[in-house]
N, C-alpha and C. Protein backbone atom coordinates (compact mmCIF):
# COMPACT_ATOMS: atom_id res chain seq x y z
N MET A 1 43.36 170.26 86.97
CA MET A 1 42.00 171.44 86.55
C MET A 1 42.23 171.79 85.40
N ALA A 2 41.14 171.41 84.62
CA ALA A 2 40.57 172.27 83.46
C ALA A 2 41.63 172.80 82.37
N ASN A 3 41.94 173.08 81.48
CA ASN A 3 41.65 174.35 80.52
C ASN A 3 40.99 174.28 79.78
N TYR A 4 40.21 176.02 79.44
CA TYR A 4 38.90 176.10 78.71
C TYR A 4 39.49 177.36 77.88
N VAL A 5 39.07 177.00 76.60
CA VAL A 5 39.36 177.87 75.01
C VAL A 5 38.02 178.72 74.90
N CYS A 6 38.38 180.09 74.63
CA CYS A 6 37.39 180.93 74.27
C CYS A 6 36.99 180.17 72.61
N ALA A 7 35.79 180.35 72.36
CA ALA A 7 34.91 179.86 70.78
C ALA A 7 35.43 180.88 70.53
N VAL A 8 35.85 182.23 70.31
CA VAL A 8 36.36 183.27 70.46
C VAL A 8 36.76 183.18 68.99
N CYS A 9 37.69 183.70 69.87
CA CYS A 9 39.50 183.73 69.52
C CYS A 9 40.97 183.06 69.35
N ALA A 10 39.71 181.83 70.52
CA ALA A 10 40.58 180.30 70.87
C ALA A 10 41.54 180.79 72.04
N TYR A 11 41.81 181.87 73.12
CA TYR A 11 42.33 182.02 74.34
C TYR A 11 42.19 180.65 74.91
N GLU A 12 43.35 180.17 75.34
CA GLU A 12 43.39 179.25 76.89
C GLU A 12 43.32 179.13 77.66
N TYR A 13 41.70 179.45 79.00
CA TYR A 13 42.48 179.85 80.04
C TYR A 13 42.76 178.67 80.93
N ASP A 14 44.55 178.88 81.61
CA ASP A 14 45.29 177.77 82.51
C ASP A 14 44.71 178.05 83.62
N PRO A 15 44.34 177.08 84.71
CA PRO A 15 44.18 177.42 86.27
C PRO A 15 45.34 177.55 86.66
N GLU A 16 46.30 177.12 86.24
CA GLU A 16 47.40 177.30 86.95
C GLU A 16 48.15 178.69 87.07
N VAL A 17 48.20 179.17 86.21
CA VAL A 17 48.04 180.65 85.18
C VAL A 17 46.95 181.44 86.39
N GLY A 18 46.45 181.71 85.57
CA GLY A 18 44.59 182.33 86.54
C GLY A 18 45.10 183.21 85.11
N ASP A 19 44.40 184.21 86.16
CA ASP A 19 44.56 185.87 84.74
C ASP A 19 44.70 186.78 85.91
N PRO A 20 45.92 187.28 85.91
CA PRO A 20 46.50 188.05 86.74
C PRO A 20 45.94 189.68 86.98
N ASP A 21 46.20 190.14 85.17
CA ASP A 21 45.19 191.33 85.30
C ASP A 21 44.46 191.60 85.30
N GLY A 22 43.53 190.33 84.76
CA GLY A 22 42.03 189.82 85.16
C GLY A 22 41.67 190.21 86.32
N GLY A 23 42.51 189.96 87.82
CA GLY A 23 41.96 189.78 88.85
C GLY A 23 41.93 188.27 89.67
N ILE A 24 42.31 187.31 88.50
CA ILE A 24 41.70 186.00 88.43
C ILE A 24 43.41 185.57 88.94
N ALA A 25 43.51 184.85 90.59
CA ALA A 25 44.59 184.20 90.54
C ALA A 25 45.14 183.05 90.27
N PRO A 26 46.52 183.02 90.13
CA PRO A 26 46.39 181.28 89.74
C PRO A 26 46.46 180.24 90.47
N GLY A 27 46.17 179.21 90.37
CA GLY A 27 45.38 178.35 90.97
C GLY A 27 44.09 178.40 90.86
N THR A 28 43.26 179.19 90.20
CA THR A 28 41.86 179.13 90.56
C THR A 28 40.28 178.20 89.08
N PRO A 29 40.31 177.89 89.51
CA PRO A 29 39.79 177.44 88.53
C PRO A 29 38.40 177.62 87.49
N PHE A 30 38.79 177.42 86.25
CA PHE A 30 37.07 177.90 85.86
C PHE A 30 36.23 177.60 86.45
N GLU A 31 35.56 177.45 87.03
CA GLU A 31 34.52 176.94 87.14
C GLU A 31 33.94 178.26 88.91
N ASP A 32 35.72 178.98 89.21
CA ASP A 32 35.58 179.57 89.99
C ASP A 32 35.29 181.37 89.70
N ILE A 33 35.65 181.34 88.79
CA ILE A 33 35.37 182.98 87.84
C ILE A 33 34.15 182.98 88.22
N PRO A 34 34.36 184.37 88.50
CA PRO A 34 32.80 184.98 88.73
C PRO A 34 32.55 184.79 87.45
N ASP A 35 31.13 185.29 86.81
CA ASP A 35 30.23 185.04 86.09
C ASP A 35 30.86 186.27 85.05
N ASP A 36 31.16 187.64 85.91
CA ASP A 36 31.20 189.33 84.93
C ASP A 36 32.69 188.65 83.95
N TRP A 37 33.51 187.55 84.30
CA TRP A 37 34.40 187.81 83.54
C TRP A 37 34.45 187.24 82.12
N VAL A 38 35.28 188.43 81.68
CA VAL A 38 35.71 188.10 80.87
C VAL A 38 37.14 187.67 80.02
N CYS A 39 37.20 187.39 78.49
CA CYS A 39 38.34 186.82 78.15
C CYS A 39 39.23 188.26 78.07
N PRO A 40 40.18 187.87 78.53
CA PRO A 40 41.70 188.75 78.38
C PRO A 40 41.81 189.28 76.71
N VAL A 41 41.81 188.77 76.21
CA VAL A 41 42.15 188.44 74.22
C VAL A 41 41.35 189.49 73.95
N CYS A 42 39.97 188.79 73.57
CA CYS A 42 39.06 189.63 73.15
C CYS A 42 37.46 190.34 73.67
N GLY A 43 36.94 189.63 74.78
CA GLY A 43 36.24 189.96 75.68
C GLY A 43 35.20 189.98 76.00
N ALA A 44 34.98 187.94 74.87
CA ALA A 44 34.22 186.47 75.09
C ALA A 44 33.33 186.90 76.87
N THR A 45 32.94 186.58 77.06
CA THR A 45 31.82 186.08 78.26
C THR A 45 32.42 184.89 78.50
N LYS A 46 31.88 184.34 79.94
CA LYS A 46 32.58 183.00 80.43
C LYS A 46 31.70 182.01 79.52
N ASP A 47 30.40 182.47 79.55
CA ASP A 47 29.60 181.56 78.66
C ASP A 47 30.26 180.90 77.46
N GLN A 48 31.31 181.83 76.57
CA GLN A 48 31.49 181.50 74.87
C GLN A 48 32.57 180.74 75.27
N PHE A 49 33.26 179.91 76.80
CA PHE A 49 34.29 179.10 76.78
C PHE A 49 33.90 177.37 76.91
N ASP A 50 34.58 177.10 76.45
CA ASP A 50 34.34 175.39 75.81
C ASP A 50 35.74 174.67 76.21
N LEU A 51 35.51 173.81 77.07
CA LEU A 51 36.26 172.19 77.99
C LEU A 51 36.96 172.36 76.84
N GLU A 52 38.41 171.92 77.09
CA GLU A 52 39.97 171.58 76.09
C GLU A 52 39.08 170.16 76.24
N GLU A 53 39.32 169.64 75.18
CA GLU A 53 39.42 168.38 74.81
C GLU A 53 41.22 167.95 74.77
N GLY A 54 41.63 166.37 75.23
CA GLY A 54 42.59 166.04 74.84
C GLY A 54 43.42 166.12 75.98
């Protein structure tokens, strides 16, 4: 599973960790996160995340 990085604050979404505080269970691929989810650090929307390269 790929990691995604917030273009606003550089928060890295790791699918192995998920976002338990945001209701996203560990093991949830970024593509399966609801569209209304926002970055837990800065509140950026899901479309402001980029696939981590490398």
